[in-house]
Amino acid sequence: MHPRSAEQSFLAVEAELTEERASALGRAGRRLEEQFERCRRLARLIEAGGDTRGSDVLLGQYRRAVEDFEHCRWRLCVQREALGLYDHRWVDRVFPPPARR
């Protein structure tokens, strides 16, 4: 293989890997955002009150949503660390952890 051709092949593969890393990071961010909004929506429903039997169901859904949020946050941080981004303070500023209930 000609050195120039090998370099072009390497650059093409490197560009594809970079694109996939960015795509994976974006997917992880979107999932976290979805879970964040799910937690906020359920928290508003709980705060609105209503019948106590229904609130027990909502509370269970909220707690599961918080677990899902925490898992998605972890996945986003893993993706970031795979790219060499170790400071996750901005994640907490943009997506503050939901209150425990």
N, C-alpha and C. Protein backbone atom coordinates (compact mmCIF):
# COMPACT_ATOMS: atom_id res chain seq x y z
N MET A 1 0.86 -1.18 0.00
CA MET A 1 0.00 0.00 0.00
C MET A 1 0.90 1.23 0.00
N HIS A 2 0.58 2.15 -0.79
CA HIS A 2 1.33 3.40 -0.91
C HIS A 2 1.16 4.20 0.39
N PRO A 3 2.25 4.82 0.91
CA PRO A 3 2.16 5.56 2.17
C PRO A 3 1.05 6.62 2.16
N ARG A 4 0.86 7.28 1.06
CA ARG A 4 -0.18 8.32 0.97
C ARG A 4 -1.57 7.68 1.09
N SER A 5 -1.74 6.54 0.45
CA SER A 5 -3.01 5.82 0.50
C SER A 5 -3.28 5.32 1.92
N ALA A 6 -2.25 4.83 2.60
CA ALA A 6 -2.40 4.35 3.97
C ALA A 6 -2.79 5.51 4.89
N GLU A 7 -2.19 6.67 4.69
CA GLU A 7 -2.51 7.84 5.50
C GLU A 7 -3.95 8.28 5.26
N GLN A 8 -4.39 8.26 4.02
CA GLN A 8 -5.76 8.64 3.70
C GLN A 8 -6.75 7.66 4.31
N SER A 9 -6.41 6.38 4.27
CA SER A 9 -7.28 5.37 4.88
C SER A 9 -7.37 5.57 6.38
N PHE A 10 -6.23 5.85 7.00
CA PHE A 10 -6.20 6.09 8.44
C PHE A 10 -7.06 7.30 8.79
N LEU A 11 -6.92 8.37 8.05
CA LEU A 11 -7.69 9.60 8.31
C LEU A 11 -9.19 9.35 8.12
N ALA A 12 -9.54 8.54 7.14
CA ALA A 12 -10.95 8.23 6.92
C ALA A 12 -11.53 7.43 8.09
N VAL A 13 -10.78 6.47 8.57
CA VAL A 13 -11.23 5.66 9.71
C VAL A 13 -11.30 6.53 10.96
N GLU A 14 -10.32 7.37 11.16
CA GLU A 14 -10.30 8.26 12.31
C GLU A 14 -11.51 9.21 12.29
N ALA A 15 -11.84 9.73 11.12
CA ALA A 15 -13.00 10.62 10.99
C ALA A 15 -14.29 9.86 11.30
N GLU A 16 -14.39 8.63 10.85
CA GLU A 16 -15.58 7.82 11.12
C GLU A 16 -15.71 7.53 12.61
N LEU A 17 -14.60 7.23 13.26
CA LEU A 17 -14.63 6.98 14.70
C LEU A 17 -15.03 8.23 15.47
N THR A 18 -14.52 9.36 15.07
CA THR A 18 -14.87 10.62 15.72
C THR A 18 -16.36 10.91 15.57
N GLU A 19 -16.88 10.65 14.38
CA GLU A 19 -18.31 10.84 14.13
C GLU A 19 -19.14 9.93 15.02
N GLU A 20 -18.73 8.69 15.17
CA GLU A 20 -19.47 7.74 16.00
C GLU A 20 -19.39 8.12 17.48
N ARG A 21 -18.24 8.59 17.92
CA ARG A 21 -18.11 9.04 19.31
C ARG A 21 -19.06 10.20 19.59
N ALA A 22 -19.08 11.16 18.67
CA ALA A 22 -19.97 12.30 18.82
C ALA A 22 -21.43 11.87 18.82
N SER A 23 -21.77 10.93 17.97
CA SER A 23 -23.14 10.43 17.89
C SER A 23 -23.53 9.73 19.19
N ALA A 24 -22.64 8.90 19.73
CA ALA A 24 -22.91 8.19 20.98
C ALA A 24 -23.07 9.18 22.13
N LEU A 25 -22.24 10.21 22.16
CA LEU A 25 -22.34 11.23 23.19
C LEU A 25 -23.68 11.96 23.08
N GLY A 26 -24.08 12.27 21.87
CA GLY A 26 -25.36 12.94 21.65
C GLY A 26 -26.54 12.08 22.10
N ARG A 27 -26.50 10.80 21.78
CA ARG A 27 -27.58 9.88 22.21
C ARG A 27 -27.66 9.82 23.73
N ALA A 28 -26.52 9.73 24.38
CA ALA A 28 -26.50 9.67 25.85
C ALA A 28 -27.06 10.96 26.44
N GLY A 29 -26.71 12.09 25.84
CA GLY A 29 -27.23 13.38 26.31
C GLY A 29 -28.73 13.50 26.13
N ARG A 30 -29.23 13.04 24.99
CA ARG A 30 -30.68 13.09 24.75
C ARG A 30 -31.43 12.19 25.72
N ARG A 31 -30.90 11.02 25.99
CA ARG A 31 -31.56 10.12 26.95
C ARG A 31 -31.61 10.75 28.34
N LEU A 32 -30.51 11.39 28.74
CA LEU A 32 -30.49 12.05 30.05
C LEU A 32 -31.51 13.18 30.08
N GLU A 33 -31.58 13.94 29.02
CA GLU A 33 -32.54 15.04 28.96
C GLU A 33 -33.99 14.51 29.05
N GLU A 34 -34.27 13.41 28.38
CA GLU A 34 -35.61 12.81 28.45
C GLU A 34 -35.95 12.38 29.87
N GLN A 35 -35.00 11.75 30.55
CA GLN A 35 -35.24 11.31 31.92
C GLN A 35 -35.37 12.49 32.87
N PHE A 36 -34.60 13.53 32.64
CA PHE A 36 -34.69 14.74 33.45
C PHE A 36 -36.09 15.33 33.34
N GLU A 37 -36.59 15.44 32.13
CA GLU A 37 -37.94 15.98 31.92
C GLU A 37 -39.00 15.07 32.51
N ARG A 38 -38.80 13.77 32.42
CA ARG A 38 -39.74 12.81 33.03
C ARG A 38 -39.82 13.03 34.54
N CYS A 39 -38.67 13.20 35.18
CA CYS A 39 -38.65 13.45 36.63
C CYS A 39 -39.37 14.75 36.96
N ARG A 40 -39.11 15.80 36.19
CA ARG A 40 -39.75 17.09 36.44
C ARG A 40 -41.27 16.98 36.29
N ARG A 41 -41.72 16.28 35.25
CA ARG A 41 -43.16 16.14 35.01
C ARG A 41 -43.83 15.39 36.17
N LEU A 42 -43.21 14.30 36.60
CA LEU A 42 -43.79 13.53 37.70
C LEU A 42 -43.75 14.31 39.01
N ALA A 43 -42.69 15.07 39.24
CA ALA A 43 -42.60 15.89 40.46
C ALA A 43 -43.73 16.92 40.48
N ARG A 44 -44.03 17.52 39.33
CA ARG A 44 -45.13 18.50 39.27
C ARG A 44 -46.47 17.82 39.59
N LEU A 45 -46.66 16.62 39.08
CA LEU A 45 -47.91 15.90 39.35
C LEU A 45 -48.04 15.56 40.83
N ILE A 46 -46.93 15.16 41.43
CA ILE A 46 -46.94 14.82 42.87
C ILE A 46 -47.26 16.07 43.68
N GLU A 47 -46.61 17.19 43.33
CA GLU A 47 -46.83 18.44 44.08
C GLU A 47 -48.23 18.98 43.90
N ALA A 48 -48.88 18.65 42.77
CA ALA A 48 -50.25 19.11 42.53
C ALA A 48 -51.24 18.44 43.48
N GLY A 49 -50.83 17.33 44.07
CA GLY A 49 -51.68 16.63 45.02
C GLY A 49 -52.73 15.79 44.34
N GLY A 50 -53.78 15.54 45.05
CA GLY A 50 -54.84 14.69 44.51
C GLY A 50 -55.12 13.57 45.49
N ASP A 51 -55.71 12.49 45.00
CA ASP A 51 -56.02 11.39 45.92
C ASP A 51 -54.74 10.68 46.35
N THR A 52 -54.75 10.20 47.58
CA THR A 52 -53.53 9.61 48.16
C THR A 52 -53.18 8.28 47.52
N ARG A 53 -54.18 7.52 47.07
CA ARG A 53 -53.88 6.25 46.43
C ARG A 53 -53.16 6.47 45.11
N GLY A 54 -53.60 7.45 44.36
CA GLY A 54 -52.94 7.80 43.10
C GLY A 54 -51.56 8.37 43.33
N SER A 55 -51.37 9.06 44.44
CA SER A 55 -50.06 9.66 44.71
C SER A 55 -49.02 8.59 45.04
N ASP A 56 -49.46 7.46 45.61
CA ASP A 56 -48.53 6.35 45.86
C ASP A 56 -47.99 5.79 44.55
N VAL A 57 -48.88 5.69 43.57
CA VAL A 57 -48.47 5.21 42.25
C VAL A 57 -47.51 6.21 41.61
N LEU A 58 -47.85 7.50 41.69
CA LEU A 58 -46.99 8.54 41.14
C LEU A 58 -45.62 8.54 41.82
N LEU A 59 -45.63 8.35 43.13
CA LEU A 59 -44.36 8.33 43.87
C LEU A 59 -43.49 7.18 43.40
N GLY A 60 -44.09 6.03 43.17
CA GLY A 60 -43.34 4.89 42.66
C GLY A 60 -42.78 5.16 41.27
N GLN A 61 -43.58 5.78 40.42
CA GLN A 61 -43.12 6.14 39.09
C GLN A 61 -41.99 7.16 39.16
N TYR A 62 -42.13 8.11 40.08
CA TYR A 62 -41.08 9.13 40.25
C TYR A 62 -39.77 8.49 40.69
N ARG A 63 -39.85 7.60 41.66
CA ARG A 63 -38.62 6.96 42.15
C ARG A 63 -37.94 6.14 41.05
N ARG A 64 -38.72 5.49 40.23
CA ARG A 64 -38.15 4.74 39.10
C ARG A 64 -37.54 5.71 38.09
N ALA A 65 -38.19 6.84 37.88
CA ALA A 65 -37.66 7.85 36.96
C ALA A 65 -36.32 8.40 37.46
N VAL A 66 -36.22 8.59 38.78
CA VAL A 66 -34.96 9.07 39.36
C VAL A 66 -33.86 8.03 39.15
N GLU A 67 -34.18 6.76 39.35
CA GLU A 67 -33.20 5.70 39.10
C GLU A 67 -32.75 5.70 37.64
N ASP A 68 -33.72 5.84 36.74
CA ASP A 68 -33.39 5.89 35.31
C ASP A 68 -32.53 7.10 34.98
N PHE A 69 -32.88 8.24 35.60
CA PHE A 69 -32.09 9.46 35.41
C PHE A 69 -30.64 9.24 35.85
N GLU A 70 -30.46 8.66 37.03
CA GLU A 70 -29.11 8.44 37.55
C GLU A 70 -28.32 7.50 36.64
N HIS A 71 -28.98 6.48 36.10
CA HIS A 71 -28.30 5.56 35.19
C HIS A 71 -27.91 6.29 33.90
N CYS A 72 -28.80 7.09 33.37
CA CYS A 72 -28.49 7.85 32.15
C CYS A 72 -27.38 8.85 32.39
N ARG A 73 -27.36 9.47 33.57
CA ARG A 73 -26.28 10.41 33.90
C ARG A 73 -24.94 9.67 33.93
N TRP A 74 -24.95 8.50 34.56
CA TRP A 74 -23.73 7.70 34.62
C TRP A 74 -23.25 7.35 33.21
N ARG A 75 -24.18 6.93 32.35
CA ARG A 75 -23.81 6.58 30.98
C ARG A 75 -23.24 7.78 30.22
N LEU A 76 -23.83 8.95 30.41
CA LEU A 76 -23.30 10.15 29.77
C LEU A 76 -21.88 10.43 30.26
N CYS A 77 -21.67 10.31 31.56
CA CYS A 77 -20.33 10.57 32.11
C CYS A 77 -19.32 9.55 31.59
N VAL A 78 -19.72 8.31 31.44
CA VAL A 78 -18.82 7.29 30.88
C VAL A 78 -18.46 7.66 29.45
N GLN A 79 -19.44 8.08 28.67
CA GLN A 79 -19.17 8.50 27.29
C GLN A 79 -18.21 9.68 27.27
N ARG A 80 -18.44 10.64 28.15
CA ARG A 80 -17.56 11.81 28.21
C ARG A 80 -16.13 11.40 28.59
N GLU A 81 -16.02 10.53 29.58
CA GLU A 81 -14.69 10.10 30.00
C GLU A 81 -13.97 9.33 28.90
N ALA A 82 -14.71 8.59 28.09
CA ALA A 82 -14.10 7.87 26.97
C ALA A 82 -13.48 8.86 25.96
N LEU A 83 -13.98 10.08 25.98
CA LEU A 83 -13.45 11.12 25.09
C LEU A 83 -12.42 12.01 25.79
N GLY A 84 -12.12 11.67 27.05
CA GLY A 84 -11.13 12.45 27.78
C GLY A 84 -11.71 13.64 28.53
N LEU A 85 -13.03 13.69 28.67
CA LEU A 85 -13.69 14.80 29.38
C LEU A 85 -14.05 14.31 30.78
N TYR A 86 -13.26 14.71 31.76
CA TYR A 86 -13.41 14.17 33.11
C TYR A 86 -14.14 15.11 34.07
N ASP A 87 -14.31 16.34 33.71
CA ASP A 87 -14.99 17.31 34.58
C ASP A 87 -16.47 17.30 34.24
N HIS A 88 -17.28 16.79 35.17
CA HIS A 88 -18.71 16.64 34.91
C HIS A 88 -19.56 17.68 35.64
N ARG A 89 -18.93 18.74 36.13
CA ARG A 89 -19.70 19.75 36.86
C ARG A 89 -20.78 20.39 36.00
N TRP A 90 -20.49 20.57 34.71
CA TRP A 90 -21.51 21.18 33.84
C TRP A 90 -22.73 20.29 33.73
N VAL A 91 -22.54 18.97 33.81
CA VAL A 91 -23.68 18.04 33.74
C VAL A 91 -24.60 18.31 34.92
N ASP A 92 -24.02 18.51 36.10
CA ASP A 92 -24.84 18.78 37.28
C ASP A 92 -25.51 20.15 37.21
N ARG A 93 -24.88 21.11 36.55
CA ARG A 93 -25.50 22.43 36.41
C ARG A 93 -26.67 22.38 35.43
N VAL A 94 -26.50 21.66 34.35
CA VAL A 94 -27.56 21.59 33.33
C VAL A 94 -28.66 20.63 33.76
N PHE A 95 -28.28 19.52 34.38
CA PHE A 95 -29.22 18.48 34.81
C PHE A 95 -29.04 18.21 36.30
N PRO A 96 -29.51 19.12 37.16
CA PRO A 96 -29.34 18.88 38.60
C PRO A 96 -30.09 17.62 39.03
N PRO A 97 -29.49 16.86 39.94
CA PRO A 97 -30.16 15.63 40.38
C PRO A 97 -31.53 15.91 40.96
N PRO A 98 -32.53 15.12 40.61
CA PRO A 98 -33.88 15.30 41.16
C PRO A 98 -33.88 15.05 42.67
N ALA A 99 -34.81 15.69 43.34
CA ALA A 99 -34.94 15.51 44.80
C ALA A 99 -35.39 14.09 45.10
N ARG A 100 -34.89 13.55 46.19
CA ARG A 100 -35.32 12.23 46.66
C ARG A 100 -36.67 12.40 47.35
N ARG A 101 -37.56 11.47 47.14
CA ARG A 101 -38.88 11.52 47.79
C ARG A 101 -39.19 10.16 48.37
